[in-house]
């Protein structure tokens, strides 16, 4: 029963999110079972809530890959520079007129930026020899700060009207989502989840330490490289589609780990579902709590996820020491 609860909560949150908003939908269930019958529901809310599920799953799995690859409890795409790199890749391409916000082209450029930033973090952290988790986190923070500065510069220099809207998009928003936007982010999320599922048993070994993992027959460098690619693709696609959404990559894997234990095969599924649940609820709150205005979704994710994470740590704070 415990394993099915996140799926039940996500299903409930999905339909509740579809049913509420600035405009009330008459005969909601009738409109829902008749595709195309209500424009607000099928052209705006269904793509938006579906994107929330996909993006939440992508960020949850990306965070799990970051923590597993680094064997560090505070690792996540934002810490490793992945999110900032994705934002920079997308913003740069949008600013020079190569692509438009939310398109497949923007997702591609964002994913390349994520790969560049994450690769740079790993390369710089390994300059002095063995890759240290502590060094990786410190270098990641620095790389993230650099790419965040690049995003600010690119946004400030942008002259196209579409690029000027980046200031809100870069804080996280699902307001620009359409049915067409879902294709690219669905592909990147599927690839990221597939990589995470494939290397999950090897991440279990990495959690025992590099030396132990090596003696158990694991190619540590190869697994870290695959994790790097997987988290870059998943987070890059999500960030370049809806902007930077804080806290999901950190909170979702931790919540899943505290509830379901350290096995990465289980964590892939539950990190994805919990990440999706947090983003769906946060998006619903962000677009309804201050109507007719819409809050950046990152504010809501932090407010929703932080207390839950703090409570779980207070109750069961030894999960990283006992695995």
C-alpha atoms as a PDB file:
ATOM      1  CA  UNK A   1       0.000   0.000   0.000  1.00  0.00           C
ATOM      2  CA  UNK A   2       2.850   2.401   0.872  1.00  0.00           C
ATOM      3  CA  UNK A   3       4.357   1.975  -2.577  1.00  0.00           C
ATOM      4  CA  UNK A   4       1.124   2.935  -4.312  1.00  0.00           C
ATOM      5  CA  UNK A   5       0.392   6.053  -2.244  1.00  0.00           C
ATOM      6  CA  UNK A   6       2.479   8.484  -4.376  1.00  0.00           C
ATOM      7  CA  UNK A   7       0.672   7.266  -7.509  1.00  0.00           C
ATOM      8  CA  UNK A   8      -2.716   7.756  -5.831  1.00  0.00           C
ATOM      9  CA  UNK A   9      -1.775  11.235  -4.608  1.00  0.00           C
ATOM     10  CA  UNK A  10      -0.423  12.182  -8.031  1.00  0.00           C
ATOM     11  CA  UNK A  11      -3.602  11.022  -9.771  1.00  0.00           C
ATOM     12  CA  UNK A  12      -5.759  13.027  -7.363  1.00  0.00           C
ATOM     13  CA  UNK A  13      -3.555  16.114  -7.712  1.00  0.00           C
ATOM     14  CA  UNK A  14      -3.635  15.800 -11.517  1.00  0.00           C
ATOM     15  CA  UNK A  15      -7.437  15.905 -11.762  1.00  0.00           C
ATOM     16  CA  UNK A  16      -7.804  18.560  -9.060  1.00  0.00           C
ATOM     17  CA  UNK A  17      -5.313  20.750 -10.913  1.00  0.00           C
ATOM     18  CA  UNK A  18      -7.274  20.323 -14.144  1.00  0.00           C
ATOM     19  CA  UNK A  19     -10.519  21.286 -12.452  1.00  0.00           C
ATOM     20  CA  UNK A  20      -9.495  24.541 -10.781  1.00  0.00           C
ATOM     21  CA  UNK A  21      -8.191  27.818 -12.138  1.00  0.00           C
ATOM     22  CA  UNK A  22      -9.077  31.419 -12.907  1.00  0.00           C
ATOM     23  CA  UNK A  23     -11.987  30.227 -15.074  1.00  0.00           C
ATOM     24  CA  UNK A  24     -14.435  27.666 -13.782  1.00  0.00           C
ATOM     25  CA  UNK A  25     -15.250  24.842 -16.191  1.00  0.00           C
ATOM     26  CA  UNK A  26     -18.904  23.854 -16.267  1.00  0.00           C
ATOM     27  CA  UNK A  27     -19.540  20.095 -16.347  1.00  0.00           C
ATOM     28  CA  UNK A  28     -15.848  19.362 -15.811  1.00  0.00           C
ATOM     29  CA  UNK A  29     -16.061  15.564 -16.020  1.00  0.00           C
ATOM     30  CA  UNK A  30     -18.173  15.717 -19.163  1.00  0.00           C
ATOM     31  CA  UNK A  31     -15.619  18.042 -20.781  1.00  0.00           C
ATOM     32  CA  UNK A  32     -12.781  15.781 -19.640  1.00  0.00           C
ATOM     33  CA  UNK A  33     -14.128  12.662 -21.317  1.00  0.00           C
ATOM     34  CA  UNK A  34     -14.806  14.557 -24.545  1.00  0.00           C
ATOM     35  CA  UNK A  35     -11.424  15.677 -25.949  1.00  0.00           C
ATOM     36  CA  UNK A  36     -11.560  19.088 -27.572  1.00  0.00           C
ATOM     37  CA  UNK A  37     -14.965  19.946 -26.153  1.00  0.00           C
ATOM     38  CA  UNK A  38     -13.624  22.724 -23.913  1.00  0.00           C
ATOM     39  CA  UNK A  39     -10.807  24.939 -25.195  1.00  0.00           C
ATOM     40  CA  UNK A  40      -9.579  26.104 -21.788  1.00  0.00           C
ATOM     41  CA  UNK A  41      -9.355  22.548 -20.499  1.00  0.00           C
ATOM     42  CA  UNK A  42      -7.830  20.873 -23.543  1.00  0.00           C
ATOM     43  CA  UNK A  43      -5.707  23.669 -25.002  1.00  0.00           C
ATOM     44  CA  UNK A  44      -4.384  25.178 -21.785  1.00  0.00           C
ATOM     45  CA  UNK A  45      -4.817  23.077 -18.651  1.00  0.00           C
ATOM     46  CA  UNK A  46      -4.238  19.563 -19.967  1.00  0.00           C
ATOM     47  CA  UNK A  47      -0.901  20.462 -21.644  1.00  0.00           C
ATOM     48  CA  UNK A  48       0.157  22.498 -18.618  1.00  0.00           C
ATOM     49  CA  UNK A  49      -0.618  19.863 -15.988  1.00  0.00           C
ATOM     50  CA  UNK A  50       0.852  17.122 -18.186  1.00  0.00           C
ATOM     51  CA  UNK A  51       4.026  19.205 -18.512  1.00  0.00           C
ATOM     52  CA  UNK A  52       4.108  19.576 -14.721  1.00  0.00           C
ATOM     53  CA  UNK A  53       4.088  15.784 -14.376  1.00  0.00           C
ATOM     54  CA  UNK A  54       6.826  15.296 -16.974  1.00  0.00           C
ATOM     55  CA  UNK A  55       9.050  18.113 -15.695  1.00  0.00           C
ATOM     56  CA  UNK A  56       8.659  17.015 -12.078  1.00  0.00           C
ATOM     57  CA  UNK A  57       9.597  13.447 -12.993  1.00  0.00           C
ATOM     58  CA  UNK A  58      12.618  14.671 -14.975  1.00  0.00           C
ATOM     59  CA  UNK A  59      13.929  16.841 -12.147  1.00  0.00           C
ATOM     60  CA  UNK A  60      13.325  14.154  -9.532  1.00  0.00           C
ATOM     61  CA  UNK A  61      15.294  11.569 -11.504  1.00  0.00           C
ATOM     62  CA  UNK A  62      18.007  14.091 -12.380  1.00  0.00           C
ATOM     63  CA  UNK A  63      18.449  14.833  -8.692  1.00  0.00           C
ATOM     64  CA  UNK A  64      18.667  11.126  -7.909  1.00  0.00           C
ATOM     65  CA  UNK A  65      21.361  10.661 -10.562  1.00  0.00           C
ATOM     66  CA  UNK A  66      23.313  13.614  -9.178  1.00  0.00           C
ATOM     67  CA  UNK A  67      23.190  12.288  -5.621  1.00  0.00           C
ATOM     68  CA  UNK A  68      23.987   8.739  -6.688  1.00  0.00           C
ATOM     69  CA  UNK A  69      26.889   9.684  -8.943  1.00  0.00           C
ATOM     70  CA  UNK A  70      28.445  11.993  -6.354  1.00  0.00           C
ATOM     71  CA  UNK A  71      27.429   9.857  -3.347  1.00  0.00           C
ATOM     72  CA  UNK A  72      26.535  13.137  -1.702  1.00  0.00           C
ATOM     73  CA  UNK A  73      23.272  14.058  -0.004  1.00  0.00           C
ATOM     74  CA  UNK A  74      23.244  17.679  -1.207  1.00  0.00           C
ATOM     75  CA  UNK A  75      24.052  17.052  -4.871  1.00  0.00           C
ATOM     76  CA  UNK A  76      21.399  18.111  -7.366  1.00  0.00           C
ATOM     77  CA  UNK A  77      21.272  19.642 -10.877  1.00  0.00           C
ATOM     78  CA  UNK A  78      21.362  23.193  -9.515  1.00  0.00           C
ATOM     79  CA  UNK A  79      24.392  22.465  -7.331  1.00  0.00           C
ATOM     80  CA  UNK A  80      26.351  20.782 -10.151  1.00  0.00           C
ATOM     81  CA  UNK A  81      25.720  23.652 -12.581  1.00  0.00           C
ATOM     82  CA  UNK A  82      23.410  21.561 -14.770  1.00  0.00           C
ATOM     83  CA  UNK A  83      20.337  23.777 -14.384  1.00  0.00           C
ATOM     84  CA  UNK A  84      22.287  26.996 -14.924  1.00  0.00           C
ATOM     85  CA  UNK A  85      23.973  25.499 -17.991  1.00  0.00           C
ATOM     86  CA  UNK A  86      20.623  24.471 -19.443  1.00  0.00           C
ATOM     87  CA  UNK A  87      19.187  27.920 -18.830  1.00  0.00           C
ATOM     88  CA  UNK A  88      22.217  29.537 -20.460  1.00  0.00           C
ATOM     89  CA  UNK A  89      22.064  27.302 -23.530  1.00  0.00           C
ATOM     90  CA  UNK A  90      18.377  28.039 -24.058  1.00  0.00           C
ATOM     91  CA  UNK A  91      18.616  31.768 -23.270  1.00  0.00           C
ATOM     92  CA  UNK A  92      21.599  32.270 -25.564  1.00  0.00           C
ATOM     93  CA  UNK A  93      19.861  30.532 -28.469  1.00  0.00           C
ATOM     94  CA  UNK A  94      16.659  32.505 -27.863  1.00  0.00           C
ATOM     95  CA  UNK A  95      18.517  35.813 -27.539  1.00  0.00           C
ATOM     96  CA  UNK A  96      20.272  35.472 -30.896  1.00  0.00           C
ATOM     97  CA  UNK A  97      17.072  34.386 -32.608  1.00  0.00           C
ATOM     98  CA  UNK A  98      17.975  30.768 -33.319  1.00  0.00           C
ATOM     99  CA  UNK A  99      14.995  29.293 -31.478  1.00  0.00           C
ATOM    100  CA  UNK A 100      11.851  30.306 -29.604  1.00  0.00           C
ATOM    101  CA  UNK A 101      10.942  29.687 -25.972  1.00  0.00           C
ATOM    102  CA  UNK A 102       9.627  26.185 -25.328  1.00  0.00           C
ATOM    103  CA  UNK A 103      10.380  24.761 -28.781  1.00  0.00           C
ATOM    104  CA  UNK A 104      12.250  21.548 -29.534  1.00  0.00           C
ATOM    105  CA  UNK A 105      15.174  23.692 -30.690  1.00  0.00           C
ATOM    106  CA  UNK A 106      15.310  25.450 -27.315  1.00  0.00           C
ATOM    107  CA  UNK A 107      15.247  22.082 -25.561  1.00  0.00           C
ATOM    108  CA  UNK A 108      18.128  20.853 -27.720  1.00  0.00           C
ATOM    109  CA  UNK A 109      20.198  23.959 -26.982  1.00  0.00           C
ATOM    110  CA  UNK A 110      19.357  23.759 -23.281  1.00  0.00           C
ATOM    111  CA  UNK A 111      20.402  20.121 -23.128  1.00  0.00           C
ATOM    112  CA  UNK A 112      23.715  20.959 -24.802  1.00  0.00           C
ATOM    113  CA  UNK A 113      24.237  23.730 -22.250  1.00  0.00           C
ATOM    114  CA  UNK A 114      23.455  21.319 -19.409  1.00  0.00           C
ATOM    115  CA  UNK A 115      25.940  18.771 -20.756  1.00  0.00           C
ATOM    116  CA  UNK A 116      28.601  21.471 -21.128  1.00  0.00           C
ATOM    117  CA  UNK A 117      28.170  22.820 -17.598  1.00  0.00           C
ATOM    118  CA  UNK A 118      28.015  19.399 -15.920  1.00  0.00           C
ATOM    119  CA  UNK A 119      31.024  18.144 -17.894  1.00  0.00           C
ATOM    120  CA  UNK A 120      32.944  21.268 -16.913  1.00  0.00           C
ATOM    121  CA  UNK A 121      32.107  20.675 -13.251  1.00  0.00           C
ATOM    122  CA  UNK A 122      33.342  17.085 -13.366  1.00  0.00           C
ATOM    123  CA  UNK A 123      36.490  17.971 -15.329  1.00  0.00           C
ATOM    124  CA  UNK A 124      37.502  20.816 -13.014  1.00  0.00           C
ATOM    125  CA  UNK A 125      36.770  18.754  -9.911  1.00  0.00           C
ATOM    126  CA  UNK A 126      39.070  15.982 -11.167  1.00  0.00           C
ATOM    127  CA  UNK A 127      42.025  18.221 -12.058  1.00  0.00           C
ATOM    128  CA  UNK A 128      43.992  17.250  -8.962  1.00  0.00           C
ATOM    129  CA  UNK A 129      43.468  13.510  -9.315  1.00  0.00           C
ATOM    130  CA  UNK A 130      40.753  11.445  -7.633  1.00  0.00           C
ATOM    131  CA  UNK A 131      37.243  12.866  -7.873  1.00  0.00           C
ATOM    132  CA  UNK A 132      36.143  14.022  -4.422  1.00  0.00           C
ATOM    133  CA  UNK A 133      32.452  14.515  -3.664  1.00  0.00           C
ATOM    134  CA  UNK A 134      33.293  17.606  -1.612  1.00  0.00           C
ATOM    135  CA  UNK A 135      35.367  19.102  -4.438  1.00  0.00           C
ATOM    136  CA  UNK A 136      32.610  18.267  -6.913  1.00  0.00           C
ATOM    137  CA  UNK A 137      30.035  20.203  -4.894  1.00  0.00           C
ATOM    138  CA  UNK A 138      32.296  23.244  -4.409  1.00  0.00           C
ATOM    139  CA  UNK A 139      33.256  23.380  -8.091  1.00  0.00           C
ATOM    140  CA  UNK A 140      29.620  22.829  -9.073  1.00  0.00           C
ATOM    141  CA  UNK A 141      28.506  25.834  -7.036  1.00  0.00           C
ATOM    142  CA  UNK A 142      31.148  27.973  -8.740  1.00  0.00           C
ATOM    143  CA  UNK A 143      30.236  26.728 -12.238  1.00  0.00           C
ATOM    144  CA  UNK A 144      26.554  27.315 -11.488  1.00  0.00           C
ATOM    145  CA  UNK A 145      27.297  30.883 -10.400  1.00  0.00           C
ATOM    146  CA  UNK A 146      29.244  31.530 -13.603  1.00  0.00           C
ATOM    147  CA  UNK A 147      26.534  30.224 -15.908  1.00  0.00           C
ATOM    148  CA  UNK A 148      23.850  32.038 -13.909  1.00  0.00           C
ATOM    149  CA  UNK A 149      25.793  35.252 -14.509  1.00  0.00           C
ATOM    150  CA  UNK A 150      25.923  34.426 -18.220  1.00  0.00           C
ATOM    151  CA  UNK A 151      22.130  34.003 -18.208  1.00  0.00           C
ATOM    152  CA  UNK A 152      21.728  37.427 -16.603  1.00  0.00           C
ATOM    153  CA  UNK A 153      24.069  39.045 -19.141  1.00  0.00           C
ATOM    154  CA  UNK A 154      22.353  37.370 -22.109  1.00  0.00           C
ATOM    155  CA  UNK A 155      18.925  38.424 -20.811  1.00  0.00           C
ATOM    156  CA  UNK A 156      20.049  42.012 -20.252  1.00  0.00           C
ATOM    157  CA  UNK A 157      21.526  42.277 -23.748  1.00  0.00           C
ATOM    158  CA  UNK A 158      18.533  40.724 -25.490  1.00  0.00           C
ATOM    159  CA  UNK A 159      16.608  43.031 -27.786  1.00  0.00           C
ATOM    160  CA  UNK A 160      13.960  40.672 -29.159  1.00  0.00           C
ATOM    161  CA  UNK A 161      10.573  40.918 -27.467  1.00  0.00           C
ATOM    162  CA  UNK A 162      10.487  37.187 -26.863  1.00  0.00           C
ATOM    163  CA  UNK A 163      13.863  37.240 -25.138  1.00  0.00           C
ATOM    164  CA  UNK A 164      12.696  39.986 -22.757  1.00  0.00           C
ATOM    165  CA  UNK A 165      10.121  37.562 -21.338  1.00  0.00           C
ATOM    166  CA  UNK A 166      12.987  35.330 -20.169  1.00  0.00           C
ATOM    167  CA  UNK A 167      13.187  37.139 -16.822  1.00  0.00           C
ATOM    168  CA  UNK A 168       9.992  35.422 -15.651  1.00  0.00           C
ATOM    169  CA  UNK A 169      10.633  32.195 -17.554  1.00  0.00           C
ATOM    170  CA  UNK A 170      14.056  31.775 -15.926  1.00  0.00           C
ATOM    171  CA  UNK A 171      12.417  31.663 -12.491  1.00  0.00           C
ATOM    172  CA  UNK A 172      10.198  28.795 -13.572  1.00  0.00           C
ATOM    173  CA  UNK A 173       6.803  28.953 -15.241  1.00  0.00           C
ATOM    174  CA  UNK A 174       4.511  26.566 -17.056  1.00  0.00           C
ATOM    175  CA  UNK A 175       2.449  29.418 -18.502  1.00  0.00           C
ATOM    176  CA  UNK A 176       3.940  29.085 -22.001  1.00  0.00           C
ATOM    177  CA  UNK A 177       3.319  25.357 -22.338  1.00  0.00           C
ATOM    178  CA  UNK A 178       1.384  24.114 -25.362  1.00  0.00           C
ATOM    179  CA  UNK A 179       0.721  20.631 -26.709  1.00  0.00           C
ATOM    180  CA  UNK A 180       3.660  21.008 -29.098  1.00  0.00           C
ATOM    181  CA  UNK A 181       6.067  21.772 -26.220  1.00  0.00           C
ATOM    182  CA  UNK A 182       5.400  18.378 -24.664  1.00  0.00           C
ATOM    183  CA  UNK A 183       7.109  16.399 -27.418  1.00  0.00           C
ATOM    184  CA  UNK A 184      10.674  17.493 -26.777  1.00  0.00           C
ATOM    185  CA  UNK A 185      10.546  17.362 -22.970  1.00  0.00           C
ATOM    186  CA  UNK A 186       8.859  13.953 -23.102  1.00  0.00           C
ATOM    187  CA  UNK A 187      11.749  12.615 -25.186  1.00  0.00           C
ATOM    188  CA  UNK A 188      14.476  14.010 -22.919  1.00  0.00           C
ATOM    189  CA  UNK A 189      12.692  12.804 -19.787  1.00  0.00           C
ATOM    190  CA  UNK A 190      12.263   9.301 -21.226  1.00  0.00           C
ATOM    191  CA  UNK A 191      15.955   9.117 -22.115  1.00  0.00           C
ATOM    192  CA  UNK A 192      17.007  10.358 -18.688  1.00  0.00           C
ATOM    193  CA  UNK A 193      14.741   7.897 -16.848  1.00  0.00           C
ATOM    194  CA  UNK A 194      15.901   5.019 -19.064  1.00  0.00           C
ATOM    195  CA  UNK A 195      19.554   5.766 -18.287  1.00  0.00           C
ATOM    196  CA  UNK A 196      18.775   6.029 -14.564  1.00  0.00           C
ATOM    197  CA  UNK A 197      16.944   2.694 -14.616  1.00  0.00           C
ATOM    198  CA  UNK A 198      19.800   1.014 -16.478  1.00  0.00           C
ATOM    199  CA  UNK A 199      22.561   2.137 -14.108  1.00  0.00           C
ATOM    200  CA  UNK A 200      20.526   1.968 -10.876  1.00  0.00           C
ATOM    201  CA  UNK A 201      22.183  -1.271  -9.594  1.00  0.00           C
ATOM    202  CA  UNK A 202      25.614   0.270 -10.143  1.00  0.00           C
ATOM    203  CA  UNK A 203      24.604   3.397  -8.209  1.00  0.00           C
ATOM    204  CA  UNK A 204      23.819   1.068  -5.300  1.00  0.00           C
ATOM    205  CA  UNK A 205      27.461  -0.027  -5.417  1.00  0.00           C
ATOM    206  CA  UNK A 206      28.751   3.543  -5.703  1.00  0.00           C
ATOM    207  CA  UNK A 207      26.917   4.352  -2.463  1.00  0.00           C
ATOM    208  CA  UNK A 208      29.378   1.996  -0.731  1.00  0.00           C
ATOM    209  CA  UNK A 209      32.333   4.094  -1.903  1.00  0.00           C
ATOM    210  CA  UNK A 210      34.432   4.121  -5.055  1.00  0.00           C
ATOM    211  CA  UNK A 211      36.948   1.558  -3.803  1.00  0.00           C
ATOM    212  CA  UNK A 212      34.278  -0.946  -2.792  1.00  0.00           C
ATOM    213  CA  UNK A 213      32.370  -0.406  -6.029  1.00  0.00           C
ATOM    214  CA  UNK A 214      35.554  -1.015  -8.024  1.00  0.00           C
ATOM    215  CA  UNK A 215      36.281  -4.259  -6.173  1.00  0.00           C
ATOM    216  CA  UNK A 216      32.716  -5.378  -6.895  1.00  0.00           C
ATOM    217  CA  UNK A 217      33.460  -5.063 -10.608  1.00  0.00           C
ATOM    218  CA  UNK A 218      31.968  -1.629 -11.309  1.00  0.00           C
ATOM    219  CA  UNK A 219      33.568   0.707 -13.819  1.00  0.00           C
ATOM    220  CA  UNK A 220      33.172   3.789 -11.618  1.00  0.00           C
ATOM    221  CA  UNK A 221      34.192   6.335 -14.267  1.00  0.00           C
ATOM    222  CA  UNK A 222      31.808   4.894 -16.847  1.00  0.00           C
ATOM    223  CA  UNK A 223      28.864   4.878 -14.430  1.00  0.00           C
ATOM    224  CA  UNK A 224      29.565   8.479 -13.422  1.00  0.00           C
ATOM    225  CA  UNK A 225      29.745   9.463 -17.083  1.00  0.00           C
ATOM    226  CA  UNK A 226      26.403   7.805 -17.828  1.00  0.00           C
ATOM    227  CA  UNK A 227      24.859   9.467 -14.779  1.00  0.00           C
ATOM    228  CA  UNK A 228      26.245  12.809 -15.959  1.00  0.00           C
ATOM    229  CA  UNK A 229      24.682  12.310 -19.390  1.00  0.00           C
ATOM    230  CA  UNK A 230      21.367  11.136 -17.952  1.00  0.00           C
ATOM    231  CA  UNK A 231      20.964  13.987 -15.481  1.00  0.00           C
ATOM    232  CA  UNK A 232      22.044  16.547 -18.102  1.00  0.00           C
ATOM    233  CA  UNK A 233      19.491  15.302 -20.622  1.00  0.00           C
ATOM    234  CA  UNK A 234      16.644  15.067 -18.091  1.00  0.00           C
ATOM    235  CA  UNK A 235      17.329  18.366 -16.327  1.00  0.00           C
ATOM    236  CA  UNK A 236      18.359  20.152 -19.534  1.00  0.00           C
ATOM    237  CA  UNK A 237      15.108  19.288 -21.258  1.00  0.00           C
ATOM    238  CA  UNK A 238      13.033  20.325 -18.246  1.00  0.00           C
ATOM    239  CA  UNK A 239      14.826  23.616 -17.546  1.00  0.00           C
ATOM    240  CA  UNK A 240      14.892  24.699 -21.189  1.00  0.00           C
ATOM    241  CA  UNK A 241      11.135  24.058 -21.427  1.00  0.00           C
ATOM    242  CA  UNK A 242       9.802  25.703 -18.263  1.00  0.00           C
ATOM    243  CA  UNK A 243      12.796  27.441 -16.712  1.00  0.00           C
ATOM    244  CA  UNK A 244      14.556  26.759 -13.435  1.00  0.00           C
ATOM    245  CA  UNK A 245      12.373  25.210 -10.750  1.00  0.00           C
ATOM    246  CA  UNK A 246      14.143  25.106  -7.425  1.00  0.00           C
ATOM    247  CA  UNK A 247      14.291  22.322  -4.887  1.00  0.00           C
ATOM    248  CA  UNK A 248      12.747  19.403  -6.830  1.00  0.00           C
ATOM    249  CA  UNK A 249      16.055  17.729  -7.667  1.00  0.00           C
ATOM    250  CA  UNK A 250      17.052  17.849  -4.007  1.00  0.00           C
ATOM    251  CA  UNK A 251      13.739  17.135  -2.294  1.00  0.00           C
ATOM    252  CA  UNK A 252      12.156  14.380  -4.397  1.00  0.00           C
ATOM    253  CA  UNK A 253      15.022  11.839  -4.150  1.00  0.00           C
ATOM    254  CA  UNK A 254      15.422  12.508  -0.427  1.00  0.00           C
ATOM    255  CA  UNK A 255      11.733  12.058   0.286  1.00  0.00           C
ATOM    256  CA  UNK A 256      11.741   8.841  -1.752  1.00  0.00           C
ATOM    257  CA  UNK A 257      14.887   7.608   0.013  1.00  0.00           C
ATOM    258  CA  UNK A 258      13.515   8.317   3.479  1.00  0.00           C
ATOM    259  CA  UNK A 259      10.272   6.462   2.734  1.00  0.00           C
ATOM    260  CA  UNK A 260      11.375   3.592   0.476  1.00  0.00           C
ATOM    261  CA  UNK A 261      15.028   2.975   1.347  1.00  0.00           C
ATOM    262  CA  UNK A 262      18.286   3.188  -0.622  1.00  0.00           C
ATOM    263  CA  UNK A 263      17.660   0.811  -3.563  1.00  0.00           C
ATOM    264  CA  UNK A 264      18.083   2.931  -6.693  1.00  0.00           C
ATOM    265  CA  UNK A 265      15.736   0.836  -8.831  1.00  0.00           C
ATOM    266  CA  UNK A 266      12.879   1.757  -6.490  1.00  0.00           C
ATOM    267  CA  UNK A 267      14.171   5.295  -6.123  1.00  0.00           C
ATOM    268  CA  UNK A 268      14.050   5.941  -9.877  1.00  0.00           C
ATOM    269  CA  UNK A 269      10.304   5.288  -9.912  1.00  0.00           C
ATOM    270  CA  UNK A 270       9.431   7.009  -6.663  1.00  0.00           C
ATOM    271  CA  UNK A 271      11.682  10.033  -7.211  1.00  0.00           C
ATOM    272  CA  UNK A 272       9.926  10.569 -10.544  1.00  0.00           C
ATOM    273  CA  UNK A 273       6.439  10.236  -9.042  1.00  0.00           C
ATOM    274  CA  UNK A 274       7.186  12.394  -5.989  1.00  0.00           C
ATOM    275  CA  UNK A 275       8.861  15.040  -8.166  1.00  0.00           C
ATOM    276  CA  UNK A 276       5.824  15.075 -10.440  1.00  0.00           C
ATOM    277  CA  UNK A 277       3.484  15.355  -7.441  1.00  0.00           C
ATOM    278  CA  UNK A 278       5.367  18.326  -5.972  1.00  0.00           C
ATOM    279  CA  UNK A 279       5.431  20.214  -9.283  1.00  0.00           C
ATOM    280  CA  UNK A 280       1.725  19.580 -10.023  1.00  0.00           C
ATOM    281  CA  UNK A 281       0.691  20.822  -6.571  1.00  0.00           C
ATOM    282  CA  UNK A 282       3.115  23.746  -6.716  1.00  0.00           C
ATOM    283  CA  UNK A 283       1.899  24.834 -10.144  1.00  0.00           C
ATOM    284  CA  UNK A 284      -1.713  24.652  -8.999  1.00  0.00           C
ATOM    285  CA  UNK A 285      -0.899  26.816  -5.983  1.00  0.00           C
ATOM    286  CA  UNK A 286       1.187  29.299  -7.994  1.00  0.00           C
ATOM    287  CA  UNK A 287      -1.589  30.004 -10.504  1.00  0.00           C
ATOM    288  CA  UNK A 288      -4.511  30.108  -8.068  1.00  0.00           C
ATOM    289  CA  UNK A 289      -3.312  31.589  -4.780  1.00  0.00           C
ATOM    290  CA  UNK A 290      -2.820  35.160  -6.075  1.00  0.00           C
ATOM    291  CA  UNK A 291      -5.325  35.390  -8.937  1.00  0.00           C
ATOM    292  CA  UNK A 292      -5.288  37.083 -11.383  1.00  0.00           C
ATOM    293  CA  UNK A 293      -1.497  37.184 -10.905  1.00  0.00           C
ATOM    294  CA  UNK A 294       0.687  34.098 -11.199  1.00  0.00           C
ATOM    295  CA  UNK A 295       3.590  33.410  -8.855  1.00  0.00           C
ATOM    296  CA  UNK A 296       6.881  31.867 -10.017  1.00  0.00           C
ATOM    297  CA  UNK A 297       6.533  28.137  -9.449  1.00  0.00           C
ATOM    298  CA  UNK A 298       9.913  27.962  -7.721  1.00  0.00           C
ATOM    299  CA  UNK A 299       8.485  29.857  -4.760  1.00  0.00           C
ATOM    300  CA  UNK A 300       5.723  27.304  -4.354  1.00  0.00           C
ATOM    301  CA  UNK A 301       8.023  24.274  -4.739  1.00  0.00           C
ATOM    302  CA  UNK A 302      10.294  25.579  -1.996  1.00  0.00           C
ATOM    303  CA  UNK A 303       7.379  26.318   0.341  1.00  0.00           C
ATOM    304  CA  UNK A 304       5.810  22.904  -0.257  1.00  0.00           C
ATOM    305  CA  UNK A 305       8.895  20.722  -0.363  1.00  0.00           C
ATOM    306  CA  UNK A 306      11.085  22.234   2.346  1.00  0.00           C
ATOM    307  CA  UNK A 307       8.822  21.513   5.363  1.00  0.00           C
ATOM    308  CA  UNK A 308       8.271  17.933   4.204  1.00  0.00           C
ATOM    309  CA  UNK A 309      11.999  17.372   3.790  1.00  0.00           C
ATOM    310  CA  UNK A 310      12.784  18.930   7.182  1.00  0.00           C
ATOM    311  CA  UNK A 311      10.155  16.738   8.860  1.00  0.00           C
ATOM    312  CA  UNK A 312      11.497  13.578   7.244  1.00  0.00           C
ATOM    313  CA  UNK A 313      15.085  14.408   8.193  1.00  0.00           C
ATOM    314  CA  UNK A 314      13.992  15.055  11.779  1.00  0.00           C
ATOM    315  CA  UNK A 315      12.258  11.676  11.949  1.00  0.00           C
ATOM    316  CA  UNK A 316      14.763   9.582   9.991  1.00  0.00           C
ATOM    317  CA  UNK A 317      18.045  11.430   9.628  1.00  0.00           C
ATOM    318  CA  UNK A 318      20.362   8.420   9.348  1.00  0.00           C
ATOM    319  CA  UNK A 319      19.439   7.179   5.887  1.00  0.00           C
ATOM    320  CA  UNK A 320      22.751   8.169   4.262  1.00  0.00           C
ATOM    321  CA  UNK A 321      24.765   6.674   7.127  1.00  0.00           C
ATOM    322  CA  UNK A 322      23.021   3.287   7.103  1.00  0.00           C
ATOM    323  CA  UNK A 323      22.977   2.486   3.417  1.00  0.00           C
END
